[in-house]
Amino acid sequence: MSSIDVNEKDWKLFRKYLPDWQENYMEKLIKDYIEFLKGDGLASDKFWELDKKIKADRKNPGVLLQDVRRSNFHVHLASLVGYEVISMKDLDGFSDETKEIVERMVR
């Protein structure tokens, strides 16, 4: 499917929802970091482990995805679902065709 074939309504929904999806995901990460830091262990161990977690999370599309293009629309959606930033339920309102494409990509 080329970028020309992307449903305009789906593209607008994606661009509308992406910032909120990412904000919600980063909020979840921060809560996870807080719980991790409250746990037992040496401060130095927690510091370095948190550093590793943040470096890894920076590569996640829930954090990293910014310069979105129509040509990668379905790939972007599939990566968000695959990394559990969003679920297929979050695609309510998108066309059936887009949902089917994303579902096939994440299988």
C-alpha atoms as a PDB file:
ATOM      1  CA  MET A   1       0.000   0.000   0.000  1.00  0.00           C
ATOM      2  CA  SER A   2       1.466   3.357  -0.968  1.00  0.00           C
ATOM      3  CA  SER A   3       1.112   6.618   0.902  1.00  0.00           C
ATOM      4  CA  ILE A   4      -1.510   7.728  -1.635  1.00  0.00           C
ATOM      5  CA  ASP A   5      -3.717   4.836  -0.517  1.00  0.00           C
ATOM      6  CA  VAL A   6      -3.820   5.942   3.123  1.00  0.00           C
ATOM      7  CA  ASN A   7      -7.350   6.824   4.123  1.00  0.00           C
ATOM      8  CA  GLU A   8      -7.463  10.576   4.835  1.00  0.00           C
ATOM      9  CA  LYS A   9      -9.703  10.098   7.877  1.00  0.00           C
ATOM     10  CA  ASP A  10      -7.284   7.506   9.304  1.00  0.00           C
ATOM     11  CA  TRP A  11      -4.309   9.794   8.708  1.00  0.00           C
ATOM     12  CA  LYS A  12      -6.036  12.680  10.511  1.00  0.00           C
ATOM     13  CA  LEU A  13      -7.027  10.433  13.427  1.00  0.00           C
ATOM     14  CA  PHE A  14      -3.467   9.139  13.718  1.00  0.00           C
ATOM     15  CA  ARG A  15      -2.007  12.632  13.795  1.00  0.00           C
ATOM     16  CA  LYS A  16      -4.634  13.703  16.328  1.00  0.00           C
ATOM     17  CA  TYR A  17      -4.146  10.745  18.691  1.00  0.00           C
ATOM     18  CA  LEU A  18      -0.383  10.205  18.476  1.00  0.00           C
ATOM     19  CA  PRO A  19       0.618  12.958  20.952  1.00  0.00           C
ATOM     20  CA  ASP A  20      -1.873  11.671  23.549  1.00  0.00           C
ATOM     21  CA  TRP A  21      -0.826   8.057  23.019  1.00  0.00           C
ATOM     22  CA  GLN A  22       2.797   9.021  23.543  1.00  0.00           C
ATOM     23  CA  GLU A  23       2.035  11.194  26.571  1.00  0.00           C
ATOM     24  CA  ASN A  24       0.054   8.364  28.178  1.00  0.00           C
ATOM     25  CA  TYR A  25       2.831   5.893  27.462  1.00  0.00           C
ATOM     26  CA  MET A  26       5.505   8.163  28.940  1.00  0.00           C
ATOM     27  CA  GLU A  27       3.315   8.678  32.005  1.00  0.00           C
ATOM     28  CA  LYS A  28       3.201   4.889  32.408  1.00  0.00           C
ATOM     29  CA  LEU A  29       6.989   4.708  32.073  1.00  0.00           C
ATOM     30  CA  ILE A  30       7.468   7.361  34.740  1.00  0.00           C
ATOM     31  CA  LYS A  31       5.175   5.474  37.126  1.00  0.00           C
ATOM     32  CA  ASP A  32       7.178   2.309  36.440  1.00  0.00           C
ATOM     33  CA  TYR A  33      10.426   4.189  37.146  1.00  0.00           C
ATOM     34  CA  ILE A  34       9.046   5.515  40.423  1.00  0.00           C
ATOM     35  CA  GLU A  35       8.001   2.040  41.552  1.00  0.00           C
ATOM     36  CA  PHE A  36      11.398   0.687  40.570  1.00  0.00           C
ATOM     37  CA  LEU A  37      13.205   3.422  42.504  1.00  0.00           C
ATOM     38  CA  LYS A  38      11.074   2.802  45.606  1.00  0.00           C
ATOM     39  CA  GLY A  39      12.230  -0.818  45.644  1.00  0.00           C
ATOM     40  CA  ASP A  40      14.997  -2.362  47.690  1.00  0.00           C
ATOM     41  CA  GLY A  41      18.622  -2.160  46.699  1.00  0.00           C
ATOM     42  CA  LEU A  42      21.587   0.120  46.550  1.00  0.00           C
ATOM     43  CA  ALA A  43      21.059   3.602  45.205  1.00  0.00           C
ATOM     44  CA  SER A  44      23.972   3.169  42.818  1.00  0.00           C
ATOM     45  CA  ASP A  45      22.513  -0.057  41.407  1.00  0.00           C
ATOM     46  CA  LYS A  46      19.113   1.572  40.942  1.00  0.00           C
ATOM     47  CA  PHE A  47      20.698   4.615  39.302  1.00  0.00           C
ATOM     48  CA  TRP A  48      22.536   2.579  36.690  1.00  0.00           C
ATOM     49  CA  GLU A  49      19.603   0.254  36.073  1.00  0.00           C
ATOM     50  CA  LEU A  50      17.319   3.247  35.586  1.00  0.00           C
ATOM     51  CA  ASP A  51      19.841   4.706  33.156  1.00  0.00           C
ATOM     52  CA  LYS A  52      19.660   1.470  31.117  1.00  0.00           C
ATOM     53  CA  LYS A  53      15.863   1.470  31.205  1.00  0.00           C
ATOM     54  CA  ILE A  54      15.638   5.061  29.988  1.00  0.00           C
ATOM     55  CA  LYS A  55      18.131   4.440  27.182  1.00  0.00           C
ATOM     56  CA  ALA A  56      16.105   1.434  26.035  1.00  0.00           C
ATOM     57  CA  ASP A  57      12.782   3.270  26.356  1.00  0.00           C
ATOM     58  CA  ARG A  58      14.062   6.143  24.221  1.00  0.00           C
ATOM     59  CA  LYS A  59      14.104   3.715  21.268  1.00  0.00           C
ATOM     60  CA  ASN A  60      10.462   2.759  21.766  1.00  0.00           C
ATOM     61  CA  PRO A  61       7.961   4.304  19.309  1.00  0.00           C
ATOM     62  CA  GLY A  62       5.893   5.437  22.280  1.00  0.00           C
ATOM     63  CA  VAL A  63       8.696   7.886  22.992  1.00  0.00           C
ATOM     64  CA  LEU A  64      10.642   8.221  19.759  1.00  0.00           C
ATOM     65  CA  LEU A  65       8.041   8.465  17.004  1.00  0.00           C
ATOM     66  CA  GLN A  66       7.995  12.067  15.785  1.00  0.00           C
ATOM     67  CA  ASP A  67       8.550  12.643  12.093  1.00  0.00           C
ATOM     68  CA  VAL A  68       5.608  10.614  10.860  1.00  0.00           C
ATOM     69  CA  ARG A  69       4.935  10.244   7.165  1.00  0.00           C
ATOM     70  CA  ARG A  70       2.075   8.753   5.258  1.00  0.00           C
ATOM     71  CA  SER A  71       4.447   6.333   3.589  1.00  0.00           C
ATOM     72  CA  ASN A  72       5.067   4.693   6.997  1.00  0.00           C
ATOM     73  CA  PHE A  73       1.590   5.167   8.428  1.00  0.00           C
ATOM     74  CA  HIS A  74       0.737   1.480   8.850  1.00  0.00           C
ATOM     75  CA  VAL A  75       4.235   0.632  10.074  1.00  0.00           C
ATOM     76  CA  HIS A  76       3.968   3.358  12.709  1.00  0.00           C
ATOM     77  CA  LEU A  77       0.603   2.072  13.903  1.00  0.00           C
ATOM     78  CA  ALA A  78       1.817  -1.521  13.949  1.00  0.00           C
ATOM     79  CA  SER A  79       4.920  -0.576  15.941  1.00  0.00           C
ATOM     80  CA  LEU A  80       2.794   1.267  18.504  1.00  0.00           C
ATOM     81  CA  VAL A  81       0.592  -1.821  18.886  1.00  0.00           C
ATOM     82  CA  GLY A  82       3.550  -4.199  18.847  1.00  0.00           C
ATOM     83  CA  TYR A  83       5.351  -2.295  21.601  1.00  0.00           C
ATOM     84  CA  GLU A  84       2.091  -2.124  23.588  1.00  0.00           C
ATOM     85  CA  VAL A  85       1.994   1.654  23.505  1.00  0.00           C
ATOM     86  CA  ILE A  86      -1.590   1.260  22.305  1.00  0.00           C
ATOM     87  CA  SER A  87      -3.881  -1.694  21.738  1.00  0.00           C
ATOM     88  CA  MET A  88      -6.034  -2.630  18.793  1.00  0.00           C
ATOM     89  CA  LYS A  89      -8.926  -1.217  20.825  1.00  0.00           C
ATOM     90  CA  ASP A  90      -7.314   2.210  20.470  1.00  0.00           C
ATOM     91  CA  LEU A  91      -7.866   1.917  16.727  1.00  0.00           C
ATOM     92  CA  ASP A  92     -11.642   2.190  17.116  1.00  0.00           C
ATOM     93  CA  GLY A  93     -12.724   4.819  14.631  1.00  0.00           C
ATOM     94  CA  PHE A  94     -10.054   3.851  12.113  1.00  0.00           C
ATOM     95  CA  SER A  95     -11.137   2.120   8.920  1.00  0.00           C
ATOM     96  CA  ASP A  96     -11.527  -1.649   8.889  1.00  0.00           C
ATOM     97  CA  GLU A  97      -8.866  -1.789   6.185  1.00  0.00           C
ATOM     98  CA  THR A  98      -6.311  -0.020   8.409  1.00  0.00           C
ATOM     99  CA  LYS A  99      -7.151  -2.243  11.370  1.00  0.00           C
ATOM    100  CA  GLU A 100      -6.762  -5.369   9.226  1.00  0.00           C
ATOM    101  CA  ILE A 101      -3.399  -4.211   7.878  1.00  0.00           C
ATOM    102  CA  VAL A 102      -2.100  -3.395  11.362  1.00  0.00           C
ATOM    103  CA  GLU A 103      -3.395  -6.678  12.746  1.00  0.00           C
ATOM    104  CA  ARG A 104      -1.584  -8.641  10.019  1.00  0.00           C
ATOM    105  CA  MET A 105       1.623  -6.706  10.645  1.00  0.00           C
ATOM    106  CA  VAL A 106       1.699  -7.392  14.390  1.00  0.00           C
ATOM    107  CA  ARG A 107       0.963 -11.115  14.142  1.00  0.00           C
END
